[in-house]
Amino acid sequence: MSSAADALSVSNGARLTLSFDKPPAAKDQNYWGFRWAGEHVDRLSELCASNAIVCVTDALPSQLAAQVGVWYEPRQSYTFIGLRAIPPGTLLLVR
């Protein structure tokens, strides 16, 4: 079964450019340039690999730029292109 919500086409030489202009302000939240309801990791990865979707990360620190990718967020059921949230750290006190 397919619906318009399940279809994405970038065709006829078109290209979608996602520009990440600055590091995320809230590192505990996903930072996305593109978000799509449902699980679409394979389709978005395919579009990125074929350069139909291009991520410009020049404004990000190199360690963050290297982490931009296609991710699925199962708790809210969406796929996104961007940076995953950084979970809060754990404090361990040893006496």
N, C-alpha and C. Protein backbone atom coordinates (compact mmCIF):
# COMPACT_ATOMS: atom_id res chain seq x y z
N MET A 1 0.85 -1.17 0.00
CA MET A 1 0.00 0.00 0.00
C MET A 1 0.90 1.23 0.00
N SER A 2 0.54 2.23 -0.76
CA SER A 2 1.33 3.45 -0.86
C SER A 2 0.40 4.64 -0.78
N SER A 3 0.93 5.74 -0.30
CA SER A 3 0.16 6.98 -0.26
C SER A 3 1.10 8.13 -0.55
N ALA A 4 0.55 9.30 -0.75
CA ALA A 4 1.37 10.48 -1.02
C ALA A 4 2.35 10.73 0.13
N ALA A 5 1.96 10.41 1.34
CA ALA A 5 2.83 10.61 2.49
C ALA A 5 4.04 9.68 2.46
N ASP A 6 3.95 8.59 1.69
CA ASP A 6 5.05 7.63 1.58
C ASP A 6 5.91 7.85 0.35
N ALA A 7 5.62 8.86 -0.44
CA ALA A 7 6.34 9.08 -1.69
C ALA A 7 7.18 10.35 -1.62
N LEU A 8 8.39 10.25 -2.13
CA LEU A 8 9.27 11.41 -2.27
C LEU A 8 10.01 11.24 -3.57
N SER A 9 9.95 12.25 -4.41
CA SER A 9 10.63 12.19 -5.69
C SER A 9 11.48 13.43 -5.87
N VAL A 10 12.73 13.23 -6.17
CA VAL A 10 13.64 14.30 -6.57
C VAL A 10 14.13 13.86 -7.94
N SER A 11 13.57 14.45 -9.00
CA SER A 11 13.82 13.92 -10.34
C SER A 11 14.22 15.01 -11.33
N ASN A 12 14.48 14.57 -12.55
CA ASN A 12 14.86 15.46 -13.65
C ASN A 12 16.08 16.31 -13.32
N GLY A 13 17.04 15.72 -12.61
CA GLY A 13 18.26 16.43 -12.28
C GLY A 13 18.14 17.39 -11.12
N ALA A 14 16.98 17.40 -10.47
CA ALA A 14 16.78 18.31 -9.33
C ALA A 14 17.67 17.88 -8.17
N ARG A 15 17.94 18.81 -7.29
CA ARG A 15 18.75 18.51 -6.11
C ARG A 15 18.18 19.31 -4.93
N LEU A 16 18.06 18.64 -3.82
CA LEU A 16 17.63 19.27 -2.58
C LEU A 16 18.89 19.51 -1.74
N THR A 17 19.18 20.76 -1.41
CA THR A 17 20.36 21.10 -0.63
C THR A 17 19.93 21.49 0.77
N LEU A 18 20.50 20.80 1.75
CA LEU A 18 20.23 21.09 3.16
C LEU A 18 21.47 21.78 3.74
N SER A 19 21.32 23.02 4.17
CA SER A 19 22.46 23.77 4.72
C SER A 19 22.36 23.84 6.23
N PHE A 20 23.37 23.31 6.89
CA PHE A 20 23.46 23.37 8.34
C PHE A 20 24.37 24.54 8.66
N ASP A 21 23.75 25.70 8.98
CA ASP A 21 24.46 26.97 9.10
C ASP A 21 25.13 27.22 10.44
N LYS A 22 24.72 26.48 11.45
CA LYS A 22 25.35 26.66 12.77
C LYS A 22 25.11 25.40 13.60
N PRO A 23 25.93 25.18 14.61
CA PRO A 23 25.71 24.02 15.48
C PRO A 23 24.36 24.11 16.18
N PRO A 24 23.81 22.98 16.58
CA PRO A 24 22.50 23.01 17.26
C PRO A 24 22.58 23.75 18.59
N ALA A 25 21.55 24.53 18.86
CA ALA A 25 21.49 25.25 20.14
C ALA A 25 21.14 24.30 21.28
N ALA A 26 20.27 23.36 21.01
CA ALA A 26 19.85 22.38 22.02
C ALA A 26 20.40 21.01 21.62
N LYS A 27 21.50 20.63 22.21
CA LYS A 27 22.15 19.38 21.85
C LYS A 27 21.39 18.14 22.31
N ASP A 28 20.41 18.33 23.18
CA ASP A 28 19.62 17.20 23.68
C ASP A 28 18.39 16.93 22.80
N GLN A 29 18.30 17.61 21.66
CA GLN A 29 17.20 17.41 20.71
C GLN A 29 17.78 17.10 19.33
N ASN A 30 17.07 16.30 18.55
CA ASN A 30 17.51 16.05 17.18
C ASN A 30 17.55 17.37 16.42
N TYR A 31 18.57 17.52 15.60
CA TYR A 31 18.78 18.74 14.81
C TYR A 31 18.69 18.34 13.35
N TRP A 32 17.58 18.68 12.71
CA TRP A 32 17.33 18.17 11.38
C TRP A 32 17.16 19.27 10.34
N GLY A 33 17.57 18.93 9.13
CA GLY A 33 17.34 19.80 7.98
C GLY A 33 16.19 19.27 7.14
N PHE A 34 15.86 18.00 7.33
CA PHE A 34 14.75 17.36 6.62
C PHE A 34 14.17 16.31 7.54
N ARG A 35 12.85 16.29 7.64
CA ARG A 35 12.18 15.31 8.50
C ARG A 35 10.97 14.76 7.76
N TRP A 36 10.76 13.43 7.90
CA TRP A 36 9.70 12.74 7.16
C TRP A 36 9.06 11.74 8.10
N ALA A 37 7.74 11.82 8.27
CA ALA A 37 7.02 10.90 9.15
C ALA A 37 7.19 9.47 8.66
N GLY A 38 7.43 8.56 9.61
CA GLY A 38 7.59 7.14 9.28
C GLY A 38 9.06 6.75 9.15
N GLU A 39 9.28 5.50 8.78
CA GLU A 39 10.63 4.95 8.66
C GLU A 39 11.04 4.95 7.19
N HIS A 40 11.98 5.82 6.81
CA HIS A 40 12.39 5.99 5.42
C HIS A 40 13.91 6.07 5.29
N VAL A 41 14.63 5.39 6.17
CA VAL A 41 16.09 5.46 6.16
C VAL A 41 16.66 5.02 4.82
N ASP A 42 16.19 3.90 4.29
CA ASP A 42 16.73 3.39 3.02
C ASP A 42 16.51 4.38 1.88
N ARG A 43 15.31 4.92 1.77
CA ARG A 43 15.00 5.84 0.67
C ARG A 43 15.82 7.12 0.77
N LEU A 44 15.90 7.71 1.97
CA LEU A 44 16.68 8.94 2.11
C LEU A 44 18.18 8.69 1.94
N SER A 45 18.65 7.55 2.41
CA SER A 45 20.07 7.21 2.22
C SER A 45 20.38 7.07 0.72
N GLU A 46 19.47 6.47 -0.01
CA GLU A 46 19.62 6.33 -1.46
C GLU A 46 19.69 7.70 -2.14
N LEU A 47 18.80 8.60 -1.75
CA LEU A 47 18.79 9.95 -2.34
C LEU A 47 20.06 10.72 -1.99
N CYS A 48 20.57 10.54 -0.78
CA CYS A 48 21.83 11.20 -0.39
C CYS A 48 23.01 10.61 -1.17
N ALA A 49 23.04 9.30 -1.30
CA ALA A 49 24.14 8.64 -2.01
C ALA A 49 24.19 9.04 -3.49
N SER A 50 23.03 9.32 -4.08
CA SER A 50 22.98 9.71 -5.49
C SER A 50 23.11 11.22 -5.68
N ASN A 51 23.35 11.95 -4.60
CA ASN A 51 23.47 13.41 -4.60
C ASN A 51 22.19 14.13 -5.01
N ALA A 52 21.05 13.46 -4.90
CA ALA A 52 19.77 14.13 -5.11
C ALA A 52 19.45 14.98 -3.87
N ILE A 53 19.98 14.55 -2.72
CA ILE A 53 19.93 15.35 -1.50
C ILE A 53 21.38 15.55 -1.06
N VAL A 54 21.76 16.82 -0.87
CA VAL A 54 23.13 17.16 -0.50
C VAL A 54 23.10 17.95 0.80
N CYS A 55 23.97 17.57 1.73
CA CYS A 55 24.09 18.28 3.00
C CYS A 55 25.33 19.16 2.98
N VAL A 56 25.14 20.45 3.22
CA VAL A 56 26.26 21.40 3.31
C VAL A 56 26.52 21.63 4.79
N THR A 57 27.70 21.21 5.23
CA THR A 57 28.02 21.25 6.67
C THR A 57 29.25 22.11 6.96
N ASP A 58 29.65 22.95 6.02
CA ASP A 58 30.87 23.76 6.18
C ASP A 58 30.87 24.63 7.42
N ALA A 59 29.71 25.07 7.88
CA ALA A 59 29.62 25.96 9.04
C ALA A 59 29.68 25.21 10.37
N LEU A 60 29.66 23.88 10.32
CA LEU A 60 29.70 23.09 11.55
C LEU A 60 31.13 22.72 11.89
N PRO A 61 31.44 22.57 13.19
CA PRO A 61 32.74 22.01 13.55
C PRO A 61 32.90 20.63 12.91
N SER A 62 34.11 20.27 12.55
CA SER A 62 34.33 19.04 11.79
C SER A 62 33.80 17.79 12.50
N GLN A 63 33.89 17.74 13.83
CA GLN A 63 33.39 16.56 14.53
C GLN A 63 31.87 16.46 14.44
N LEU A 64 31.17 17.58 14.37
CA LEU A 64 29.71 17.54 14.18
C LEU A 64 29.37 17.26 12.72
N ALA A 65 30.08 17.88 11.80
CA ALA A 65 29.81 17.68 10.37
C ALA A 65 29.91 16.20 10.01
N ALA A 66 30.85 15.50 10.61
CA ALA A 66 31.04 14.07 10.33
C ALA A 66 29.87 13.22 10.83
N GLN A 67 29.07 13.76 11.73
CA GLN A 67 27.96 13.00 12.31
C GLN A 67 26.62 13.25 11.62
N VAL A 68 26.58 14.18 10.66
CA VAL A 68 25.34 14.42 9.93
C VAL A 68 25.02 13.18 9.10
N GLY A 69 23.80 12.69 9.24
CA GLY A 69 23.41 11.49 8.52
C GLY A 69 21.91 11.32 8.48
N VAL A 70 21.49 10.14 8.06
CA VAL A 70 20.07 9.78 8.00
C VAL A 70 19.78 8.92 9.22
N TRP A 71 18.78 9.32 9.99
CA TRP A 71 18.45 8.66 11.26
C TRP A 71 16.95 8.42 11.37
N TYR A 72 16.61 7.39 12.10
CA TYR A 72 15.20 7.12 12.41
C TYR A 72 14.98 7.33 13.90
N GLU A 73 13.95 8.07 14.24
CA GLU A 73 13.57 8.35 15.63
C GLU A 73 12.34 7.50 15.95
N PRO A 74 12.54 6.31 16.56
CA PRO A 74 11.41 5.39 16.76
C PRO A 74 10.37 5.88 17.76
N ARG A 75 10.77 6.65 18.75
CA ARG A 75 9.80 7.10 19.76
C ARG A 75 8.72 8.00 19.17
N GLN A 76 9.11 8.80 18.16
CA GLN A 76 8.14 9.70 17.53
C GLN A 76 7.85 9.30 16.08
N SER A 77 8.43 8.21 15.63
CA SER A 77 8.22 7.64 14.30
C SER A 77 8.43 8.64 13.17
N TYR A 78 9.67 9.13 13.07
CA TYR A 78 10.05 9.93 11.92
C TYR A 78 11.51 9.66 11.56
N THR A 79 11.82 9.89 10.29
CA THR A 79 13.17 9.77 9.77
C THR A 79 13.65 11.18 9.48
N PHE A 80 14.93 11.43 9.77
CA PHE A 80 15.44 12.78 9.52
C PHE A 80 16.86 12.75 9.01
N ILE A 81 17.24 13.85 8.37
CA ILE A 81 18.62 14.06 7.95
C ILE A 81 19.15 15.17 8.83
N GLY A 82 20.20 14.86 9.56
CA GLY A 82 20.77 15.85 10.47
C GLY A 82 21.61 15.18 11.53
N LEU A 83 21.60 15.76 12.73
CA LEU A 83 22.36 15.27 13.87
C LEU A 83 21.43 14.68 14.91
N ARG A 84 21.83 13.55 15.45
CA ARG A 84 21.06 12.94 16.53
C ARG A 84 21.28 13.72 17.82
N ALA A 85 20.29 13.67 18.68
CA ALA A 85 20.41 14.30 20.00
C ALA A 85 21.54 13.65 20.79
N ILE A 86 22.20 14.44 21.58
CA ILE A 86 23.24 13.93 22.47
C ILE A 86 22.59 13.73 23.83
N PRO A 87 22.50 12.48 24.30
CA PRO A 87 21.84 12.26 25.59
C PRO A 87 22.64 12.92 26.71
N PRO A 88 21.93 13.35 27.74
CA PRO A 88 22.64 13.98 28.86
C PRO A 88 23.63 13.00 29.47
N GLY A 89 24.73 13.51 29.94
CA GLY A 89 25.77 12.68 30.54
C GLY A 89 25.34 12.12 31.88
N THR A 90 26.12 11.19 32.34
CA THR A 90 25.87 10.56 33.63
C THR A 90 26.97 10.98 34.59
N LEU A 91 26.57 11.33 35.77
CA LEU A 91 27.53 11.69 36.80
C LEU A 91 27.68 10.51 37.73
N LEU A 92 28.90 10.07 37.90
CA LEU A 92 29.18 8.94 38.78
C LEU A 92 30.10 9.41 39.88
N LEU A 93 29.68 9.26 41.08
CA LEU A 93 30.47 9.67 42.25
C LEU A 93 30.98 8.42 42.94
N VAL A 94 32.28 8.29 43.02
CA VAL A 94 32.88 7.13 43.68
C VAL A 94 33.58 7.61 44.94
N ARG A 95 33.30 6.95 46.04
CA ARG A 95 33.94 7.32 47.31
C ARG A 95 34.82 6.22 47.79
